[in-house]
Amino acid sequence: MMANGKADICYNVQTAVDSKHKLIAEFEVTNQSFDTKQLANMTALASQTLEEERLSVVTDVGYDSASDIAKCLTNGFTPHVAGTDYDICLPTEDLQAKEITSHTNGRGVYLPERNIVLCRYE
């Protein structure tokens, strides 16, 4: 795994915990040194294990990825990422947009299935 600009022998363990029983419902070992881009995958795995189609997930700011949060929303999951300031914006007319880089001094990801833009204000 790359960490601090050099390769090291180590792993990053992702876990999903069932809030009702307080037990690990799913886990995955990766060689990525960061948590971004892990939220949607772990939520989908936990959903399968728990046999729940709709989940609310709570994470720390390390999982702050607009595209990953958008994937969760598209798949019917409700993510709550601590330390973020995301809003669901008004529908857009540009049905071809995939990523909006300037939206009221922020950035966003367009979800064509729901005709909404997930925005983060900086």
PDB file of N, CA and C in Angstrom:
ATOM      1  N   MET A   1       0.847  -1.165   0.000  1.00  0.00           N
ATOM      2  CA  MET A   1       0.000   0.000   0.000  1.00  0.00           C
ATOM      3  C   MET A   1       0.900   1.239   0.000  1.00  0.00           C
ATOM      4  N   MET A   2       0.512   2.239  -0.790  1.00  0.00           N
ATOM      5  CA  MET A   2       1.241   3.501  -0.807  1.00  0.00           C
ATOM      6  C   MET A   2       0.767   4.365   0.364  1.00  0.00           C
ATOM      7  N   ALA A   3       1.706   4.823   1.165  1.00  0.00           N
ATOM      8  CA  ALA A   3       1.394   5.705   2.295  1.00  0.00           C
ATOM      9  C   ALA A   3       2.535   6.700   2.452  1.00  0.00           C
ATOM     10  N   ASN A   4       2.201   7.968   2.493  1.00  0.00           N
ATOM     11  CA  ASN A   4       3.196   9.032   2.640  1.00  0.00           C
ATOM     12  C   ASN A   4       4.251   8.992   1.540  1.00  0.00           C
ATOM     13  N   GLY A   5       3.826   8.652   0.322  1.00  0.00           N
ATOM     14  CA  GLY A   5       4.719   8.680  -0.820  1.00  0.00           C
ATOM     15  C   GLY A   5       5.646   7.491  -0.962  1.00  0.00           C
ATOM     16  N   LYS A   6       5.502   6.477  -0.139  1.00  0.00           N
ATOM     17  CA  LYS A   6       6.351   5.287  -0.265  1.00  0.00           C
ATOM     18  C   LYS A   6       5.517   4.039  -0.061  1.00  0.00           C
ATOM     19  N   ALA A   7       5.983   2.949  -0.617  1.00  0.00           N
ATOM     20  CA  ALA A   7       5.279   1.672  -0.486  1.00  0.00           C
ATOM     21  C   ALA A   7       5.598   1.052   0.871  1.00  0.00           C
ATOM     22  N   ASP A   8       4.569   0.500   1.487  1.00  0.00           N
ATOM     23  CA  ASP A   8       4.737  -0.156   2.779  1.00  0.00           C
ATOM     24  C   ASP A   8       3.863  -1.402   2.792  1.00  0.00           C
ATOM     25  N   ILE A   9       4.230  -2.377   3.567  1.00  0.00           N
ATOM     26  CA  ILE A   9       3.436  -3.593   3.671  1.00  0.00           C
ATOM     27  C   ILE A   9       2.398  -3.376   4.761  1.00  0.00           C
ATOM     28  N   CYS A  10       1.177  -3.069   4.326  1.00  0.00           N
ATOM     29  CA  CYS A  10       0.083  -2.824   5.255  1.00  0.00           C
ATOM     30  C   CYS A  10      -1.235  -2.862   4.491  1.00  0.00           C
ATOM     31  N   TYR A  11      -2.321  -2.883   5.220  1.00  0.00           N
ATOM     32  CA  TYR A  11      -3.643  -2.979   4.617  1.00  0.00           C
ATOM     33  C   TYR A  11      -4.608  -2.046   5.314  1.00  0.00           C
ATOM     34  N   ASN A  12      -5.689  -1.725   4.638  1.00  0.00           N
ATOM     35  CA  ASN A  12      -6.745  -0.875   5.161  1.00  0.00           C
ATOM     36  C   ASN A  12      -7.994  -1.746   5.275  1.00  0.00           C
ATOM     37  N   VAL A  13      -8.502  -1.928   6.473  1.00  0.00           N
ATOM     38  CA  VAL A  13      -9.676  -2.777   6.691  1.00  0.00           C
ATOM     39  C   VAL A  13     -10.916  -1.897   6.797  1.00  0.00           C
ATOM     40  N   GLN A  14     -11.897  -2.202   5.972  1.00  0.00           N
ATOM     41  CA  GLN A  14     -13.183  -1.513   5.984  1.00  0.00           C
ATOM     42  C   GLN A  14     -14.189  -2.425   6.695  1.00  0.00           C
ATOM     43  N   THR A  15     -15.000  -1.865   7.577  1.00  0.00           N
ATOM     44  CA  THR A  15     -16.008  -2.664   8.267  1.00  0.00           C
ATOM     45  C   THR A  15     -17.359  -1.962   8.218  1.00  0.00           C
ATOM     46  N   ALA A  16     -18.406  -2.762   8.216  1.00  0.00           N
ATOM     47  CA  ALA A  16     -19.780  -2.263   8.327  1.00  0.00           C
ATOM     48  C   ALA A  16     -20.390  -2.944   9.545  1.00  0.00           C
ATOM     49  N   VAL A  17     -20.926  -2.149  10.462  1.00  0.00           N
ATOM     50  CA  VAL A  17     -21.459  -2.665  11.718  1.00  0.00           C
ATOM     51  C   VAL A  17     -22.973  -2.510  11.736  1.00  0.00           C
ATOM     52  N   ASP A  18     -23.651  -3.560  12.136  1.00  0.00           N
ATOM     53  CA  ASP A  18     -25.105  -3.551  12.289  1.00  0.00           C
ATOM     54  C   ASP A  18     -25.442  -2.812  13.586  1.00  0.00           C
ATOM     55  N   SER A  19     -26.158  -1.700  13.472  1.00  0.00           N
ATOM     56  CA  SER A  19     -26.437  -0.884  14.659  1.00  0.00           C
ATOM     57  C   SER A  19     -27.371  -1.577  15.649  1.00  0.00           C
ATOM     58  N   LYS A  20     -28.209  -2.467  15.163  1.00  0.00           N
ATOM     59  CA  LYS A  20     -29.152  -3.152  16.055  1.00  0.00           C
ATOM     60  C   LYS A  20     -28.437  -4.146  16.966  1.00  0.00           C
ATOM     61  N   HIS A  21     -27.553  -4.960  16.397  1.00  0.00           N
ATOM     62  CA  HIS A  21     -26.892  -6.011  17.165  1.00  0.00           C
ATOM     63  C   HIS A  21     -25.468  -5.659  17.593  1.00  0.00           C
ATOM     64  N   LYS A  22     -24.942  -4.534  17.068  1.00  0.00           N
ATOM     65  CA  LYS A  22     -23.584  -4.085  17.402  1.00  0.00           C
ATOM     66  C   LYS A  22     -22.529  -5.113  17.004  1.00  0.00           C
ATOM     67  N   LEU A  23     -22.749  -5.763  15.860  1.00  0.00           N
ATOM     68  CA  LEU A  23     -21.812  -6.763  15.350  1.00  0.00           C
ATOM     69  C   LEU A  23     -21.331  -6.362  13.960  1.00  0.00           C
ATOM     70  N   ILE A  24     -20.128  -6.799  13.594  1.00  0.00           N
ATOM     71  CA  ILE A  24     -19.616  -6.542  12.249  1.00  0.00           C
ATOM     72  C   ILE A  24     -20.448  -7.357  11.270  1.00  0.00           C
ATOM     73  N   ALA A  25     -21.077  -6.668  10.332  1.00  0.00           N
ATOM     74  CA  ALA A  25     -21.930  -7.323   9.338  1.00  0.00           C
ATOM     75  C   ALA A  25     -21.147  -7.665   8.083  1.00  0.00           C
ATOM     76  N   GLU A  26     -20.142  -6.871   7.771  1.00  0.00           N
ATOM     77  CA  GLU A  26     -19.360  -7.080   6.557  1.00  0.00           C
ATOM     78  C   GLU A  26     -18.002  -6.425   6.740  1.00  0.00           C
ATOM     79  N   PHE A  27     -16.986  -6.959   6.051  1.00  0.00           N
ATOM     80  CA  PHE A  27     -15.666  -6.341   6.088  1.00  0.00           C
ATOM     81  C   PHE A  27     -14.968  -6.579   4.759  1.00  0.00           C
ATOM     82  N   GLU A  28     -13.975  -5.765   4.504  1.00  0.00           N
ATOM     83  CA  GLU A  28     -13.166  -5.926   3.299  1.00  0.00           C
ATOM     84  C   GLU A  28     -11.775  -5.378   3.581  1.00  0.00           C
ATOM     85  N   VAL A  29     -10.764  -6.086   3.109  1.00  0.00           N
ATOM     86  CA  VAL A  29      -9.381  -5.657   3.269  1.00  0.00           C
ATOM     87  C   VAL A  29      -8.913  -5.112   1.926  1.00  0.00           C
ATOM     88  N   THR A  30      -8.396  -3.876   1.935  1.00  0.00           N
ATOM     89  CA  THR A  30      -7.917  -3.249   0.700  1.00  0.00           C
ATOM     90  C   THR A  30      -6.458  -2.839   0.868  1.00  0.00           C
ATOM     91  N   ASN A  31      -5.834  -2.495  -0.246  1.00  0.00           N
ATOM     92  CA  ASN A  31      -4.486  -1.949  -0.176  1.00  0.00           C
ATOM     93  C   ASN A  31      -4.481  -0.468  -0.531  1.00  0.00           C
ATOM     94  N   GLN A  32      -5.660   0.171  -0.472  1.00  0.00           N
ATOM     95  CA  GLN A  32      -5.758   1.622  -0.662  1.00  0.00           C
ATOM     96  C   GLN A  32      -5.553   2.301   0.686  1.00  0.00           C
ATOM     97  N   SER A  33      -4.748   3.344   0.698  1.00  0.00           N
ATOM     98  CA  SER A  33      -4.441   4.002   1.966  1.00  0.00           C
ATOM     99  C   SER A  33      -5.486   5.027   2.384  1.00  0.00           C
ATOM    100  N   PHE A  34      -6.547   5.184   1.599  1.00  0.00           N
ATOM    101  CA  PHE A  34      -7.576   6.177   1.895  1.00  0.00           C
ATOM    102  C   PHE A  34      -8.947   5.510   1.930  1.00  0.00           C
ATOM    103  N   ASP A  35      -9.900   6.174   2.588  1.00  0.00           N
ATOM    104  CA  ASP A  35     -11.243   5.619   2.726  1.00  0.00           C
ATOM    105  C   ASP A  35     -12.213   6.110   1.652  1.00  0.00           C
ATOM    106  N   THR A  36     -11.866   7.196   0.958  1.00  0.00           N
ATOM    107  CA  THR A  36     -12.765   7.665  -0.101  1.00  0.00           C
ATOM    108  C   THR A  36     -12.893   6.575  -1.148  1.00  0.00           C
ATOM    109  N   LYS A  37     -14.008   6.519  -1.791  1.00  0.00           N
ATOM    110  CA  LYS A  37     -14.351   5.507  -2.799  1.00  0.00           C
ATOM    111  C   LYS A  37     -14.633   4.139  -2.180  1.00  0.00           C
ATOM    112  N   GLN A  38     -14.810   4.059  -0.865  1.00  0.00           N
ATOM    113  CA  GLN A  38     -15.115   2.799  -0.196  1.00  0.00           C
ATOM    114  C   GLN A  38     -16.570   2.724   0.281  1.00  0.00           C
ATOM    115  N   LEU A  39     -17.226   3.865   0.412  1.00  0.00           N
ATOM    116  CA  LEU A  39     -18.559   3.931   1.018  1.00  0.00           C
ATOM    117  C   LEU A  39     -19.616   3.154   0.233  1.00  0.00           C
ATOM    118  N   ALA A  40     -19.723   3.389  -1.054  1.00  0.00           N
ATOM    119  CA  ALA A  40     -20.769   2.739  -1.855  1.00  0.00           C
ATOM    120  C   ALA A  40     -20.576   1.227  -1.891  1.00  0.00           C
ATOM    121  N   ASN A  41     -19.341   0.787  -2.046  1.00  0.00           N
ATOM    122  CA  ASN A  41     -19.059  -0.645  -2.088  1.00  0.00           C
ATOM    123  C   ASN A  41     -19.393  -1.321  -0.754  1.00  0.00           C
ATOM    124  N   MET A  42     -18.953  -0.740   0.348  1.00  0.00           N
ATOM    125  CA  MET A  42     -19.223  -1.335   1.657  1.00  0.00           C
ATOM    126  C   MET A  42     -20.705  -1.318   1.991  1.00  0.00           C
ATOM    127  N   THR A  43     -21.405  -0.269   1.586  1.00  0.00           N
ATOM    128  CA  THR A  43     -22.848  -0.192   1.821  1.00  0.00           C
ATOM    129  C   THR A  43     -23.571  -1.281   1.037  1.00  0.00           C
ATOM    130  N   ALA A  44     -23.165  -1.495  -0.202  1.00  0.00           N
ATOM    131  CA  ALA A  44     -23.780  -2.551  -1.020  1.00  0.00           C
ATOM    132  C   ALA A  44     -23.513  -3.936  -0.428  1.00  0.00           C
ATOM    133  N   LEU A  45     -22.291  -4.171   0.039  1.00  0.00           N
ATOM    134  CA  LEU A  45     -21.966  -5.464   0.665  1.00  0.00           C
ATOM    135  C   LEU A  45     -22.782  -5.680   1.942  1.00  0.00           C
ATOM    136  N   ALA A  46     -22.880  -4.647   2.769  1.00  0.00           N
ATOM    137  CA  ALA A  46     -23.659  -4.754   4.008  1.00  0.00           C
ATOM    138  C   ALA A  46     -25.136  -4.987   3.695  1.00  0.00           C
ATOM    139  N   SER A  47     -25.628  -4.340   2.670  1.00  0.00           N
ATOM    140  CA  SER A  47     -27.027  -4.512   2.263  1.00  0.00           C
ATOM    141  C   SER A  47     -27.316  -5.968   1.896  1.00  0.00           C
ATOM    142  N   GLN A  48     -26.399  -6.571   1.175  1.00  0.00           N
ATOM    143  CA  GLN A  48     -26.560  -7.979   0.796  1.00  0.00           C
ATOM    144  C   GLN A  48     -26.497  -8.886   2.016  1.00  0.00           C
ATOM    145  N   THR A  49     -25.519  -8.666   2.881  1.00  0.00           N
ATOM    146  CA  THR A  49     -25.353  -9.500   4.071  1.00  0.00           C
ATOM    147  C   THR A  49     -26.551  -9.397   5.000  1.00  0.00           C
ATOM    148  N   LEU A  50     -27.026  -8.169   5.207  1.00  0.00           N
ATOM    149  CA  LEU A  50     -28.150  -7.947   6.120  1.00  0.00           C
ATOM    150  C   LEU A  50     -29.510  -8.181   5.463  1.00  0.00           C
ATOM    151  N   GLU A  51     -29.488  -8.430   4.140  1.00  0.00           N
ATOM    152  CA  GLU A  51     -30.710  -8.644   3.364  1.00  0.00           C
ATOM    153  C   GLU A  51     -31.680  -7.476   3.535  1.00  0.00           C
ATOM    154  N   GLU A  52     -31.127  -6.269   3.426  1.00  0.00           N
ATOM    155  CA  GLU A  52     -31.897  -5.025   3.519  1.00  0.00           C
ATOM    156  C   GLU A  52     -31.655  -4.225   2.246  1.00  0.00           C
ATOM    157  N   GLU A  53     -32.727  -3.820   1.568  1.00  0.00           N
ATOM    158  CA  GLU A  53     -32.575  -3.048   0.347  1.00  0.00           C
ATOM    159  C   GLU A  53     -32.284  -1.578   0.624  1.00  0.00           C
ATOM    160  N   ARG A  54     -32.755  -1.066   1.739  1.00  0.00           N
ATOM    161  CA  ARG A  54     -32.567   0.344   2.103  1.00  0.00           C
ATOM    162  C   ARG A  54     -31.799   0.414   3.415  1.00  0.00           C
ATOM    163  N   LEU A  55     -30.700   1.145   3.400  1.00  0.00           N
ATOM    164  CA  LEU A  55     -29.902   1.317   4.608  1.00  0.00           C
ATOM    165  C   LEU A  55     -29.593   2.796   4.804  1.00  0.00           C
ATOM    166  N   SER A  56     -29.476   3.204   6.048  1.00  0.00           N
ATOM    167  CA  SER A  56     -28.892   4.495   6.389  1.00  0.00           C
ATOM    168  C   SER A  56     -27.510   4.184   6.926  1.00  0.00           C
ATOM    169  N   VAL A  57     -26.515   4.868   6.405  1.00  0.00           N
ATOM    170  CA  VAL A  57     -25.142   4.606   6.816  1.00  0.00           C
ATOM    171  C   VAL A  57     -24.526   5.874   7.394  1.00  0.00           C
ATOM    172  N   VAL A  58     -23.711   5.703   8.423  1.00  0.00           N
ATOM    173  CA  VAL A  58     -23.054   6.814   9.096  1.00  0.00           C
ATOM    174  C   VAL A  58     -21.551   6.572   9.030  1.00  0.00           C
ATOM    175  N   THR A  59     -20.799   7.597   8.575  1.00  0.00           N
ATOM    176  CA  THR A  59     -19.349   7.472   8.451  1.00  0.00           C
ATOM    177  C   THR A  59     -18.668   8.748   8.910  1.00  0.00           C
ATOM    178  N   ASP A  60     -17.347   8.678   8.978  1.00  0.00           N
ATOM    179  CA  ASP A  60     -16.577   9.881   9.293  1.00  0.00           C
ATOM    180  C   ASP A  60     -16.208  10.605   8.001  1.00  0.00           C
ATOM    181  N   VAL A  61     -15.558  11.742   8.137  1.00  0.00           N
ATOM    182  CA  VAL A  61     -15.265  12.608   6.997  1.00  0.00           C
ATOM    183  C   VAL A  61     -14.285  11.957   6.008  1.00  0.00           C
ATOM    184  N   GLY A  62     -13.610  10.904   6.388  1.00  0.00           N
ATOM    185  CA  GLY A  62     -12.695  10.210   5.482  1.00  0.00           C
ATOM    186  C   GLY A  62     -13.391   9.599   4.278  1.00  0.00           C
ATOM    187  N   TYR A  63     -14.698   9.447   4.350  1.00  0.00           N
ATOM    188  CA  TYR A  63     -15.477   8.873   3.253  1.00  0.00           C
ATOM    189  C   TYR A  63     -16.141   9.947   2.407  1.00  0.00           C
ATOM    190  N   ASP A  64     -15.684  11.182   2.535  1.00  0.00           N
ATOM    191  CA  ASP A  64     -16.253  12.329   1.838  1.00  0.00           C
ATOM    192  C   ASP A  64     -15.902  12.280   0.349  1.00  0.00           C
ATOM    193  N   SER A  65     -16.779  11.715  -0.446  1.00  0.00           N
ATOM    194  CA  SER A  65     -16.608  11.638  -1.894  1.00  0.00           C
ATOM    195  C   SER A  65     -17.969  11.875  -2.531  1.00  0.00           C
ATOM    196  N   ALA A  66     -18.100  12.977  -3.265  1.00  0.00           N
ATOM    197  CA  ALA A  66     -19.391  13.301  -3.878  1.00  0.00           C
ATOM    198  C   ALA A  66     -19.867  12.181  -4.789  1.00  0.00           C
ATOM    199  N   SER A  67     -18.985  11.582  -5.575  1.00  0.00           N
ATOM    200  CA  SER A  67     -19.408  10.520  -6.487  1.00  0.00           C
ATOM    201  C   SER A  67     -19.829   9.267  -5.729  1.00  0.00           C
ATOM    202  N   ASP A  68     -19.156   8.947  -4.635  1.00  0.00           N
ATOM    203  CA  ASP A  68     -19.524   7.774  -3.837  1.00  0.00           C
ATOM    204  C   ASP A  68     -20.855   7.998  -3.123  1.00  0.00           C
ATOM    205  N   ILE A  69     -21.060   9.201  -2.600  1.00  0.00           N
ATOM    206  CA  ILE A  69     -22.330   9.532  -1.956  1.00  0.00           C
ATOM    207  C   ILE A  69     -23.452   9.478  -2.988  1.00  0.00           C
ATOM    208  N   ALA A  70     -23.175   9.942  -4.199  1.00  0.00           N
ATOM    209  CA  ALA A  70     -24.158   9.884  -5.279  1.00  0.00           C
ATOM    210  C   ALA A  70     -24.523   8.444  -5.616  1.00  0.00           C
ATOM    211  N   LYS A  71     -23.526   7.543  -5.626  1.00  0.00           N
ATOM    212  CA  LYS A  71     -23.798   6.118  -5.880  1.00  0.00           C
ATOM    213  C   LYS A  71     -24.711   5.548  -4.800  1.00  0.00           C
ATOM    214  N   CYS A  72     -24.449   5.910  -3.552  1.00  0.00           N
ATOM    215  CA  CYS A  72     -25.301   5.438  -2.451  1.00  0.00           C
ATOM    216  C   CYS A  72     -26.738   5.903  -2.656  1.00  0.00           C
ATOM    217  N   LEU A  73     -26.912   7.189  -2.953  1.00  0.00           N
ATOM    218  CA  LEU A  73     -28.254   7.722  -3.168  1.00  0.00           C
ATOM    219  C   LEU A  73     -28.946   7.048  -4.338  1.00  0.00           C
ATOM    220  N   THR A  74     -28.220   6.828  -5.423  1.00  0.00           N
ATOM    221  CA  THR A  74     -28.779   6.176  -6.605  1.00  0.00           C
ATOM    222  C   THR A  74     -29.228   4.757  -6.284  1.00  0.00           C
ATOM    223  N   ASN A  75     -28.483   4.078  -5.407  1.00  0.00           N
ATOM    224  CA  ASN A  75     -28.811   2.693  -5.043  1.00  0.00           C
ATOM    225  C   ASN A  75     -29.827   2.598  -3.910  1.00  0.00           C
ATOM    226  N   GLY A  76     -30.370   3.737  -3.470  1.00  0.00           N
ATOM    227  CA  GLY A  76     -31.424   3.717  -2.459  1.00  0.00           C
ATOM    228  C   GLY A  76     -30.934   3.769  -1.032  1.00  0.00           C
ATOM    229  N   PHE A  77     -29.641   4.040  -0.813  1.00  0.00           N
ATOM    230  CA  PHE A  77     -29.087   4.131   0.528  1.00  0.00           C
ATOM    231  C   PHE A  77     -29.023   5.596   0.953  1.00  0.00           C
ATOM    232  N   THR A  78     -29.093   5.832   2.264  1.00  0.00           N
ATOM    233  CA  THR A  78     -29.027   7.189   2.791  1.00  0.00           C
ATOM    234  C   THR A  78     -27.724   7.359   3.556  1.00  0.00           C
ATOM    235  N   PRO A  79     -26.732   8.030   2.957  1.00  0.00           N
ATOM    236  CA  PRO A  79     -25.458   8.222   3.652  1.00  0.00           C
ATOM    237  C   PRO A  79     -25.458   9.478   4.516  1.00  0.00           C
ATOM    238  N   HIS A  80     -24.826   9.384   5.672  1.00  0.00           N
ATOM    239  CA  HIS A  80     -24.621  10.518   6.571  1.00  0.00           C
ATOM    240  C   HIS A  80     -23.119  10.569   6.845  1.00  0.00           C
ATOM    241  N   VAL A  81     -22.435  11.526   6.221  1.00  0.00           N
ATOM    242  CA  VAL A  81     -20.987  11.635   6.350  1.00  0.00           C
ATOM    243  C   VAL A  81     -20.667  12.824   7.240  1.00  0.00           C
ATOM    244  N   ALA A  82     -20.098  12.565   8.402  1.00  0.00           N
ATOM    245  CA  ALA A  82     -19.781  13.623   9.366  1.00  0.00           C
ATOM    246  C   ALA A  82     -18.810  14.620   8.755  1.00  0.00           C
ATOM    247  N   GLY A  83     -19.047  15.889   9.031  1.00  0.00           N
ATOM    248  CA  GLY A  83     -18.134  16.926   8.590  1.00  0.00           C
ATOM    249  C   GLY A  83     -18.341  17.393   7.167  1.00  0.00           C
ATOM    250  N   THR A  84     -19.390  16.933   6.491  1.00  0.00           N
ATOM    251  CA  THR A  84     -19.646  17.370   5.124  1.00  0.00           C
ATOM    252  C   THR A  84     -20.812  18.337   5.101  1.00  0.00           C
ATOM    253  N   ASP A  85     -20.901  19.053   4.022  1.00  0.00           N
ATOM    254  CA  ASP A  85     -21.972  20.023   3.859  1.00  0.00           C
ATOM    255  C   ASP A  85     -22.597  19.827   2.483  1.00  0.00           C
ATOM    256  N   TYR A  86     -23.305  18.720   2.291  1.00  0.00           N
ATOM    257  CA  TYR A  86     -23.939  18.422   1.021  1.00  0.00           C
ATOM    258  C   TYR A  86     -25.402  18.809   1.057  1.00  0.00           C
ATOM    259  N   ASP A  87     -25.897  19.211  -0.060  1.00  0.00           N
ATOM    260  CA  ASP A  87     -27.307  19.528  -0.222  1.00  0.00           C
ATOM    261  C   ASP A  87     -27.798  18.889  -1.515  1.00  0.00           C
ATOM    262  N   ILE A  88     -29.067  18.582  -1.560  1.00  0.00           N
ATOM    263  CA  ILE A  88     -29.689  18.163  -2.803  1.00  0.00           C
ATOM    264  C   ILE A  88     -30.181  19.430  -3.481  1.00  0.00           C
ATOM    265  N   CYS A  89     -29.709  19.672  -4.684  1.00  0.00           N
ATOM    266  CA  CYS A  89     -30.028  20.907  -5.392  1.00  0.00           C
ATOM    267  C   CYS A  89     -31.252  20.713  -6.275  1.00  0.00           C
ATOM    268  N   LEU A  90     -31.705  21.810  -6.843  1.00  0.00           N
ATOM    269  CA  LEU A  90     -32.869  21.785  -7.730  1.00  0.00           C
ATOM    270  C   LEU A  90     -32.584  20.988  -8.988  1.00  0.00           C
ATOM    271  N   PRO A  91     -33.634  20.443  -9.616  1.00  0.00           N
ATOM    272  CA  PRO A  91     -33.438  19.708 -10.874  1.00  0.00           C
ATOM    273  C   PRO A  91     -32.750  20.586 -11.916  1.00  0.00           C
ATOM    274  N   THR A  92     -31.984  19.952 -12.755  1.00  0.00           N
ATOM    275  CA  THR A  92     -31.260  20.654 -13.792  1.00  0.00           C
ATOM    276  C   THR A  92     -31.851  20.333 -15.160  1.00  0.00           C
ATOM    277  N   GLU A  93     -31.672  21.220 -16.107  1.00  0.00           N
ATOM    278  CA  GLU A  93     -32.146  20.991 -17.473  1.00  0.00           C
ATOM    279  C   GLU A  93     -31.118  20.231 -18.292  1.00  0.00           C
ATOM    280  N   ASP A  94     -29.857  20.251 -17.862  1.00  0.00           N
ATOM    281  CA  ASP A  94     -28.785  19.605 -18.614  1.00  0.00           C
ATOM    282  C   ASP A  94     -28.753  18.115 -18.293  1.00  0.00           C
ATOM    283  N   LEU A  95     -29.458  17.323 -19.084  1.00  0.00           N
ATOM    284  CA  LEU A  95     -29.561  15.886 -18.808  1.00  0.00           C
ATOM    285  C   LEU A  95     -28.293  15.125 -19.174  1.00  0.00           C
ATOM    286  N   GLN A  96     -27.349  15.783 -19.835  1.00  0.00           N
ATOM    287  CA  GLN A  96     -26.106  15.125 -20.224  1.00  0.00           C
ATOM    288  C   GLN A  96     -24.998  15.326 -19.180  1.00  0.00           C
ATOM    289  N   ALA A  97     -25.208  16.205 -18.218  1.00  0.00           N
ATOM    290  CA  ALA A  97     -24.161  16.519 -17.246  1.00  0.00           C
ATOM    291  C   ALA A  97     -23.850  15.321 -16.365  1.00  0.00           C
ATOM    292  N   LYS A  98     -22.597  15.070 -16.143  1.00  0.00           N
ATOM    293  CA  LYS A  98     -22.167  14.009 -15.241  1.00  0.00           C
ATOM    294  C   LYS A  98     -21.551  14.591 -13.975  1.00  0.00           C
ATOM    295  N   GLU A  99     -20.826  15.691 -14.138  1.00  0.00           N
ATOM    296  CA  GLU A  99     -20.217  16.341 -12.987  1.00  0.00           C
ATOM    297  C   GLU A  99     -20.266  17.844 -13.205  1.00  0.00           C
ATOM    298  N   ILE A 100     -20.706  18.551 -12.210  1.00  0.00           N
ATOM    299  CA  ILE A 100     -20.788  20.002 -12.280  1.00  0.00           C
ATOM    300  C   ILE A 100     -19.644  20.551 -11.446  1.00  0.00           C
ATOM    301  N   THR A 101     -18.786  21.354 -12.033  1.00  0.00           N
ATOM    302  CA  THR A 101     -17.617  21.828 -11.304  1.00  0.00           C
ATOM    303  C   THR A 101     -17.826  23.198 -10.680  1.00  0.00           C
ATOM    304  N   SER A 102     -18.851  23.913 -11.081  1.00  0.00           N
ATOM    305  CA  SER A 102     -19.105  25.211 -10.479  1.00  0.00           C
ATOM    306  C   SER A 102     -20.605  25.371 -10.270  1.00  0.00           C
ATOM    307  N   HIS A 103     -21.027  25.302  -9.037  1.00  0.00           N
ATOM    308  CA  HIS A 103     -22.438  25.452  -8.703  1.00  0.00           C
ATOM    309  C   HIS A 103     -22.504  26.238  -7.405  1.00  0.00           C
ATOM    310  N   THR A 104     -22.763  27.513  -7.501  1.00  0.00           N
ATOM    311  CA  THR A 104     -22.758  28.401  -6.340  1.00  0.00           C
ATOM    312  C   THR A 104     -21.474  28.210  -5.527  1.00  0.00           C
ATOM    313  N   ASN A 105     -20.340  28.336  -6.208  1.00  0.00           N
ATOM    314  CA  ASN A 105     -19.016  28.201  -5.590  1.00  0.00           C
ATOM    315  C   ASN A 105     -18.778  26.811  -4.994  1.00  0.00           C
ATOM    316  N   GLY A 106     -19.313  25.791  -5.618  1.00  0.00           N
ATOM    317  CA  GLY A 106     -19.100  24.440  -5.124  1.00  0.00           C
ATOM    318  C   GLY A 106     -18.967  23.453  -6.257  1.00  0.00           C
ATOM    319  N   ARG A 107     -19.108  22.187  -5.926  1.00  0.00           N
ATOM    320  CA  ARG A 107     -19.061  21.155  -6.953  1.00  0.00           C
ATOM    321  C   ARG A 107     -20.205  20.200  -6.704  1.00  0.00           C
ATOM    322  N   GLY A 108     -20.562  19.427  -7.703  1.00  0.00           N
ATOM    323  CA  GLY A 108     -21.675  18.510  -7.540  1.00  0.00           C
ATOM    324  C   GLY A 108     -21.631  17.380  -8.539  1.00  0.00           C
ATOM    325  N   VAL A 109     -22.474  16.406  -8.330  1.00  0.00           N
ATOM    326  CA  VAL A 109     -22.608  15.272  -9.226  1.00  0.00           C
ATOM    327  C   VAL A 109     -24.076  15.147  -9.598  1.00  0.00           C
ATOM    328  N   TYR A 110     -24.346  15.042 -10.898  1.00  0.00           N
ATOM    329  CA  TYR A 110     -25.716  14.929 -11.383  1.00  0.00           C
ATOM    330  C   TYR A 110     -26.164  13.475 -11.372  1.00  0.00           C
ATOM    331  N   LEU A 111     -27.358  13.217 -10.821  1.00  0.00           N
ATOM    332  CA  LEU A 111     -27.949  11.883 -10.801  1.00  0.00           C
ATOM    333  C   LEU A 111     -29.101  11.869 -11.807  1.00  0.00           C
ATOM    334  N   PRO A 112     -28.846  11.406 -13.037  1.00  0.00           N
ATOM    335  CA  PRO A 112     -29.882  11.488 -14.073  1.00  0.00           C
ATOM    336  C   PRO A 112     -31.127  10.676 -13.745  1.00  0.00           C
ATOM    337  N   GLU A 113     -30.987   9.565 -13.007  1.00  0.00           N
ATOM    338  CA  GLU A 113     -32.136   8.727 -12.675  1.00  0.00           C
ATOM    339  C   GLU A 113     -33.147   9.478 -11.816  1.00  0.00           C
ATOM    340  N   ARG A 114     -32.658  10.407 -10.990  1.00  0.00           N
ATOM    341  CA  ARG A 114     -33.538  11.158 -10.091  1.00  0.00           C
ATOM    342  C   ARG A 114     -33.656  12.625 -10.475  1.00  0.00           C
ATOM    343  N   ASN A 115     -32.913  13.048 -11.520  1.00  0.00           N
ATOM    344  CA  ASN A 115     -32.901  14.427 -12.008  1.00  0.00           C
ATOM    345  C   ASN A 115     -32.614  15.427 -10.879  1.00  0.00           C
ATOM    346  N   ILE A 116     -31.553  15.120 -10.107  1.00  0.00           N
ATOM    347  CA  ILE A 116     -31.105  16.025  -9.051  1.00  0.00           C
ATOM    348  C   ILE A 116     -29.580  16.157  -9.125  1.00  0.00           C
ATOM    349  N   VAL A 117     -29.088  17.191  -8.486  1.00  0.00           N
ATOM    350  CA  VAL A 117     -27.645  17.393  -8.381  1.00  0.00           C
ATOM    351  C   VAL A 117     -27.284  17.345  -6.904  1.00  0.00           C
ATOM    352  N   LEU A 118     -26.325  16.521  -6.564  1.00  0.00           N
ATOM    353  CA  LEU A 118     -25.789  16.454  -5.208  1.00  0.00           C
ATOM    354  C   LEU A 118     -24.662  17.468  -5.145  1.00  0.00           C
ATOM    355  N   CYS A 119     -24.815  18.503  -4.312  1.00  0.00           N
ATOM    356  CA  CYS A 119     -23.858  19.614  -4.300  1.00  0.00           C
ATOM    357  C   CYS A 119     -23.087  19.680  -3.000  1.00  0.00           C
ATOM    358  N   ARG A 120     -21.849  20.102  -3.100  1.00  0.00           N
ATOM    359  CA  ARG A 120     -21.032  20.372  -1.923  1.00  0.00           C
ATOM    360  C   ARG A 120     -20.524  21.788  -2.039  1.00  0.00           C
ATOM    361  N   TYR A 121     -20.784  22.570  -1.034  1.00  0.00           N
ATOM    362  CA  TYR A 121     -20.349  23.961  -1.031  1.00  0.00           C
ATOM    363  C   TYR A 121     -19.048  24.081  -0.282  1.00  0.00           C
ATOM    364  N   GLU A 122     -18.094  24.762  -0.885  1.00  0.00           N
ATOM    365  CA  GLU A 122     -16.766  24.894  -0.283  1.00  0.00           C
ATOM    366  C   GLU A 122     -16.559  26.247   0.318  1.00  0.00           C
TER     367      GLU A 122
END
